[in-house]
C-alpha atoms as a PDB file:
ATOM      1  CA  ARG A   1      -2.839 -21.003 -12.262  1.00  0.00           C
ATOM      2  CA  ASP A   2      -3.468 -19.933 -15.802  1.00  0.00           C
ATOM      3  CA  LYS A   3      -3.772 -16.250 -15.008  1.00  0.00           C
ATOM      4  CA  ILE A   4      -2.540 -13.682 -12.524  1.00  0.00           C
ATOM      5  CA  ARG A   5      -4.035 -10.390 -11.468  1.00  0.00           C
ATOM      6  CA  LEU A   6      -1.943  -7.319 -12.241  1.00  0.00           C
ATOM      7  CA  HIS A   7      -2.167  -3.734 -11.108  1.00  0.00           C
ATOM      8  CA  LEU A   8      -1.162  -0.692 -13.095  1.00  0.00           C
ATOM      9  CA  LEU A   9       1.553   1.424 -11.502  1.00  0.00           C
ATOM     10  CA  ALA A  10       0.056   4.866 -11.977  1.00  0.00           C
ATOM     11  CA  GLY A  11       1.548   8.338 -11.816  1.00  0.00           C
ATOM     12  CA  GLY A  12      -0.894  11.197 -11.589  1.00  0.00           C
ATOM     13  CA  GLY A  13       0.263  14.127  -9.499  1.00  0.00           C
ATOM     14  CA  THR A  14      -3.063  15.951  -9.827  1.00  0.00           C
ATOM     15  CA  PRO A  15      -6.655  14.846  -9.350  1.00  0.00           C
ATOM     16  CA  GLU A  16      -7.352  15.466 -13.038  1.00  0.00           C
ATOM     17  CA  SER A  17      -4.476  13.302 -14.266  1.00  0.00           C
ATOM     18  CA  MET A  18      -5.240  10.569 -11.718  1.00  0.00           C
ATOM     19  CA  ARG A  19      -8.895  10.464 -12.774  1.00  0.00           C
ATOM     20  CA  GLU A  20      -7.858  10.061 -16.427  1.00  0.00           C
ATOM     21  CA  ILE A  21      -5.234   7.402 -15.646  1.00  0.00           C
ATOM     22  CA  ALA A  22      -7.723   5.360 -13.608  1.00  0.00           C
ATOM     23  CA  LYS A  23     -10.382   5.695 -16.301  1.00  0.00           C
ATOM     24  CA  ASN A  24      -7.945   4.538 -18.993  1.00  0.00           C
ATOM     25  CA  ALA A  25      -6.695   1.672 -16.808  1.00  0.00           C
ATOM     26  CA  ALA A  26     -10.256   0.426 -16.356  1.00  0.00           C
ATOM     27  CA  ALA A  27     -10.853   0.674 -20.111  1.00  0.00           C
ATOM     28  CA  GLU A  28      -7.701  -1.418 -20.710  1.00  0.00           C
ATOM     29  CA  GLY A  29      -9.019  -4.124 -18.380  1.00  0.00           C
ATOM     30  CA  PHE A  30      -7.030  -3.424 -15.225  1.00  0.00           C
ATOM     31  CA  THR A  31      -8.920  -4.069 -12.001  1.00  0.00           C
ATOM     32  CA  ALA A  32      -6.360  -2.412  -9.712  1.00  0.00           C
ATOM     33  CA  ILE A  33      -4.057   0.581  -9.784  1.00  0.00           C
ATOM     34  CA  LYS A  34      -1.228   1.516  -7.467  1.00  0.00           C
ATOM     35  CA  PHE A  35      -0.367   5.161  -6.895  1.00  0.00           C
ATOM     36  CA  ASP A  36       1.158   7.626  -4.449  1.00  0.00           C
ATOM     37  CA  PRO A  37      -1.162  10.484  -3.427  1.00  0.00           C
ATOM     38  CA  LEU A  38       1.626  12.293  -1.525  1.00  0.00           C
ATOM     39  CA  VAL A  39       2.847  14.593  -4.261  1.00  0.00           C
ATOM     40  CA  GLY A  40       5.864  16.884  -4.539  1.00  0.00           C
ATOM     41  CA  GLY A  41       6.456  19.105  -1.550  1.00  0.00           C
ATOM     42  CA  TYR A  42       4.501  16.872   0.814  1.00  0.00           C
ATOM     43  CA  GLN A  43       7.286  17.267   3.416  1.00  0.00           C
ATOM     44  CA  ASP A  44       6.461  20.956   3.821  1.00  0.00           C
ATOM     45  CA  MET A  45       2.675  20.592   3.908  1.00  0.00           C
ATOM     46  CA  THR A  46       0.596  21.077   7.014  1.00  0.00           C
ATOM     47  CA  VAL A  47      -1.216  17.945   8.125  1.00  0.00           C
ATOM     48  CA  GLU A  48      -4.498  19.398   6.876  1.00  0.00           C
ATOM     49  CA  ARG A  49      -3.034  20.138   3.416  1.00  0.00           C
ATOM     50  CA  LEU A  50      -1.434  16.683   3.309  1.00  0.00           C
ATOM     51  CA  VAL A  51      -4.774  15.038   4.097  1.00  0.00           C
ATOM     52  CA  GLN A  52      -6.669  17.237   1.643  1.00  0.00           C
ATOM     53  CA  THR A  53      -4.227  16.580  -1.211  1.00  0.00           C
ATOM     54  CA  ALA A  54      -4.143  12.824  -0.585  1.00  0.00           C
ATOM     55  CA  ARG A  55      -7.949  12.715  -0.426  1.00  0.00           C
ATOM     56  CA  GLU A  56      -8.386  14.674  -3.654  1.00  0.00           C
ATOM     57  CA  ILE A  57      -6.034  12.407  -5.616  1.00  0.00           C
ATOM     58  CA  THR A  58      -7.513   9.231  -4.101  1.00  0.00           C
ATOM     59  CA  ALA A  59     -11.078  10.427  -4.739  1.00  0.00           C
ATOM     60  CA  ALA A  60     -10.144  11.073  -8.366  1.00  0.00           C
ATOM     61  CA  ALA A  61      -8.699   7.556  -8.683  1.00  0.00           C
ATOM     62  CA  ARG A  62     -11.882   6.087  -7.224  1.00  0.00           C
ATOM     63  CA  GLU A  63     -14.045   8.222  -9.528  1.00  0.00           C
ATOM     64  CA  GLY A  64     -12.029   7.366 -12.637  1.00  0.00           C
ATOM     65  CA  GLY A  65     -11.744   3.663 -11.883  1.00  0.00           C
ATOM     66  CA  GLY A  66     -15.164   3.146 -10.380  1.00  0.00           C
ATOM     67  CA  VAL A  67     -16.249   0.410  -8.008  1.00  0.00           C
ATOM     68  CA  ASP A  68     -14.583  -2.331 -10.048  1.00  0.00           C
ATOM     69  CA  MET A  69     -11.107  -0.850  -9.539  1.00  0.00           C
ATOM     70  CA  ASP A  70      -9.094  -1.685  -6.419  1.00  0.00           C
ATOM     71  CA  LEU A  71      -6.872   1.103  -5.149  1.00  0.00           C
ATOM     72  CA  VAL A  72      -3.428   0.270  -3.804  1.00  0.00           C
ATOM     73  CA  ILE A  73      -2.057   3.375  -2.132  1.00  0.00           C
ATOM     74  CA  GLU A  74       1.743   3.371  -1.994  1.00  0.00           C
ATOM     75  CA  LEU A  75       3.115   5.834   0.555  1.00  0.00           C
ATOM     76  CA  HIS A  76       6.824   4.937   0.164  1.00  0.00           C
ATOM     77  CA  ARG A  77       7.614   5.129   3.892  1.00  0.00           C
ATOM     78  CA  LYS A  78       7.025   8.908   3.834  1.00  0.00           C
ATOM     79  CA  LEU A  79       5.023   9.345   7.036  1.00  0.00           C
ATOM     80  CA  THR A  80       5.584   9.181  10.758  1.00  0.00           C
ATOM     81  CA  PRO A  81       3.391   6.756  12.710  1.00  0.00           C
ATOM     82  CA  LEU A  82       1.139   9.549  13.999  1.00  0.00           C
ATOM     83  CA  THR A  83       0.780  11.294  10.654  1.00  0.00           C
ATOM     84  CA  ALA A  84       0.156   7.942   8.990  1.00  0.00           C
ATOM     85  CA  VAL A  85      -2.862   7.301  11.223  1.00  0.00           C
ATOM     86  CA  THR A  86      -4.368  10.674  10.319  1.00  0.00           C
ATOM     87  CA  VAL A  87      -3.792  10.310   6.571  1.00  0.00           C
ATOM     88  CA  ILE A  88      -4.892   6.672   6.340  1.00  0.00           C
ATOM     89  CA  GLU A  89      -8.059   7.248   8.360  1.00  0.00           C
ATOM     90  CA  ALA A  90      -8.898  10.102   5.969  1.00  0.00           C
ATOM     91  CA  LEU A  91      -8.515   7.738   2.991  1.00  0.00           C
ATOM     92  CA  ALA A  92     -10.558   4.893   4.494  1.00  0.00           C
ATOM     93  CA  GLU A  93     -13.822   6.007   2.883  1.00  0.00           C
ATOM     94  CA  PHE A  94     -12.380   5.176  -0.558  1.00  0.00           C
ATOM     95  CA  ASN A  95     -11.994   1.521   0.484  1.00  0.00           C
ATOM     96  CA  PRO A  96      -8.381   1.014  -0.529  1.00  0.00           C
ATOM     97  CA  TYR A  97      -7.348  -2.564  -1.233  1.00  0.00           C
ATOM     98  CA  PHE A  98      -4.414  -1.807   1.029  1.00  0.00           C
ATOM     99  CA  ILE A  99      -2.007   0.967   2.004  1.00  0.00           C
ATOM    100  CA  GLU A 100       1.595   0.070   1.237  1.00  0.00           C
ATOM    101  CA  ASP A 101       4.578   1.123   3.342  1.00  0.00           C
ATOM    102  CA  PRO A 102       3.140   4.109   5.193  1.00  0.00           C
ATOM    103  CA  ILE A 103       6.108   4.377   7.614  1.00  0.00           C
ATOM    104  CA  GLN A 104       9.777   3.438   7.733  1.00  0.00           C
ATOM    105  CA  ILE A 105      10.487  -0.246   8.323  1.00  0.00           C
ATOM    106  CA  ASP A 106      13.099   0.531  10.979  1.00  0.00           C
ATOM    107  CA  SER A 107      10.799  -0.694  13.755  1.00  0.00           C
ATOM    108  CA  ILE A 108       8.825  -3.920  13.539  1.00  0.00           C
ATOM    109  CA  GLN A 109       6.921  -2.839  16.658  1.00  0.00           C
ATOM    110  CA  ALA A 110       5.884   0.469  15.074  1.00  0.00           C
ATOM    111  CA  GLN A 111       4.670  -1.447  11.978  1.00  0.00           C
ATOM    112  CA  SER A 112       2.490  -3.748  14.055  1.00  0.00           C
ATOM    113  CA  ASP A 113       1.206  -0.925  16.277  1.00  0.00           C
ATOM    114  CA  LEU A 114       0.113   0.980  13.194  1.00  0.00           C
ATOM    115  CA  ALA A 115      -1.564  -2.039  11.595  1.00  0.00           C
ATOM    116  CA  ARG A 116      -3.526  -2.731  14.800  1.00  0.00           C
ATOM    117  CA  ARG A 117      -4.706   0.898  15.098  1.00  0.00           C
ATOM    118  CA  LEU A 118      -6.250   1.048  11.645  1.00  0.00           C
ATOM    119  CA  ASN A 119      -9.282  -0.450   9.945  1.00  0.00           C
ATOM    120  CA  VAL A 120      -7.588  -0.193   6.538  1.00  0.00           C
ATOM    121  CA  PRO A 121      -5.425  -3.117   5.395  1.00  0.00           C
ATOM    122  CA  ILE A 122      -1.682  -2.450   5.492  1.00  0.00           C
ATOM    123  CA  GLY A 123       0.944  -4.010   3.268  1.00  0.00           C
ATOM    124  CA  ASN A 124       4.666  -3.825   3.772  1.00  0.00           C
ATOM    125  CA  GLY A 125       7.923  -5.663   3.627  1.00  0.00           C
ATOM    126  CA  GLU A 126       9.539  -4.670   0.355  1.00  0.00           C
ATOM    127  CA  ARG A 127      12.648  -3.598   2.279  1.00  0.00           C
ATOM    128  CA  LEU A 128      12.828  -6.700   4.475  1.00  0.00           C
ATOM    129  CA  THR A 129      15.396  -9.283   3.434  1.00  0.00           C
ATOM    130  CA  THR A 130      14.915 -12.503   5.420  1.00  0.00           C
ATOM    131  CA  ILE A 131      12.232 -14.986   6.394  1.00  0.00           C
ATOM    132  CA  TRP A 132      13.039 -14.174  10.007  1.00  0.00           C
ATOM    133  CA  GLU A 133      12.212 -10.480   9.573  1.00  0.00           C
ATOM    134  CA  PHE A 134       8.880 -11.414   7.968  1.00  0.00           C
ATOM    135  CA  ARG A 135       8.157 -13.901  10.762  1.00  0.00           C
ATOM    136  CA  GLU A 136       8.876 -11.227  13.351  1.00  0.00           C
ATOM    137  CA  LEU A 137       6.643  -8.720  11.538  1.00  0.00           C
ATOM    138  CA  LEU A 138       3.740 -11.159  11.362  1.00  0.00           C
ATOM    139  CA  GLU A 139       4.231 -12.420  14.909  1.00  0.00           C
ATOM    140  CA  ALA A 140       4.013  -8.831  16.176  1.00  0.00           C
ATOM    141  CA  GLY A 141       0.606  -8.417  14.527  1.00  0.00           C
ATOM    142  CA  GLY A 142       1.877  -6.730  11.408  1.00  0.00           C
ATOM    143  CA  PRO A 143       0.280  -6.258   8.008  1.00  0.00           C
ATOM    144  CA  GLN A 144      -2.581  -7.973   6.242  1.00  0.00           C
ATOM    145  CA  TYR A 145      -0.402  -8.102   3.101  1.00  0.00           C
ATOM    146  CA  VAL A 146       3.312  -8.840   2.913  1.00  0.00           C
ATOM    147  CA  ARG A 147       5.229  -7.557  -0.047  1.00  0.00           C
ATOM    148  CA  PRO A 148       8.586  -9.251  -0.408  1.00  0.00           C
ATOM    149  CA  ASP A 149      10.874  -7.882  -3.096  1.00  0.00           C
ATOM    150  CA  VAL A 150      12.226 -10.921  -4.947  1.00  0.00           C
ATOM    151  CA  ALA A 151      15.606  -9.225  -5.485  1.00  0.00           C
ATOM    152  CA  LEU A 152      16.025  -8.214  -1.812  1.00  0.00           C
ATOM    153  CA  ALA A 153      14.368 -11.153  -0.085  1.00  0.00           C
ATOM    154  CA  GLY A 154      16.570 -13.959  -1.358  1.00  0.00           C
ATOM    155  CA  GLY A 155      15.008 -14.840  -4.702  1.00  0.00           C
ATOM    156  CA  LEU A 156      12.041 -16.978  -5.636  1.00  0.00           C
ATOM    157  CA  THR A 157      12.760 -19.840  -3.242  1.00  0.00           C
ATOM    158  CA  HIS A 158      13.078 -17.522  -0.272  1.00  0.00           C
ATOM    159  CA  CYS A 159       9.902 -15.666  -1.308  1.00  0.00           C
ATOM    160  CA  LYS A 160       8.037 -18.995  -1.433  1.00  0.00           C
ATOM    161  CA  LYS A 161       9.102 -19.522   2.183  1.00  0.00           C
ATOM    162  CA  ILE A 162       7.910 -16.018   3.079  1.00  0.00           C
ATOM    163  CA  ALA A 163       4.578 -16.785   1.401  1.00  0.00           C
ATOM    164  CA  ALA A 164       4.241 -19.963   3.484  1.00  0.00           C
ATOM    165  CA  ILE A 165       4.941 -18.047   6.683  1.00  0.00           C
ATOM    166  CA  ALA A 166       2.415 -15.390   5.675  1.00  0.00           C
ATOM    167  CA  GLU A 167      -0.200 -18.038   4.939  1.00  0.00           C
ATOM    168  CA  ALA A 168       0.174 -19.384   8.470  1.00  0.00           C
ATOM    169  CA  TRP A 169      -0.825 -15.917   9.717  1.00  0.00           C
ATOM    170  CA  HIS A 170      -3.742 -15.559   7.225  1.00  0.00           C
ATOM    171  CA  CYS A 171      -1.758 -12.830   5.509  1.00  0.00           C
ATOM    172  CA  ALA A 172      -1.827 -12.405   1.735  1.00  0.00           C
ATOM    173  CA  VAL A 173       1.252 -11.913  -0.428  1.00  0.00           C
ATOM    174  CA  VAL A 174       1.566  -9.253  -3.118  1.00  0.00           C
ATOM    175  CA  THR A 175       4.568  -8.466  -5.265  1.00  0.00           C
END
């Protein structure tokens, strides 16, 4: 390959700042941004407030970036499986490229159950460390995107093996 697609890792704790960040990213030539719409104090929010806040920030990203900007929504393992379903379904209308790490990776079964329940692509794996964990995740019906962390998953050679396993399951790899 002579080029690679990059996403901008965006901050933006308010709809206004997220809209501006996405607009600027598009102007700079980015075609994807990655952001976390679960802002400070999310742990104490009601489910309705959590959904409303996440929707407002995601809507602003979509508005600022337009239809030529893919949205990668990084949830940093902040949600429970049930809350994740509610939040992710509420964000589906914005057509996210994928939702990354919505729940803790402590249960491969919970990861696959969540991925099967949703119509939004899920990406995870940045905390997994071996090809065997990735195989188990994919075998269980896990994500549509695996995200190995080169430093945690055994380096470049090991990540190439993970990519080969993912390919056998028609699963894309993002880093």
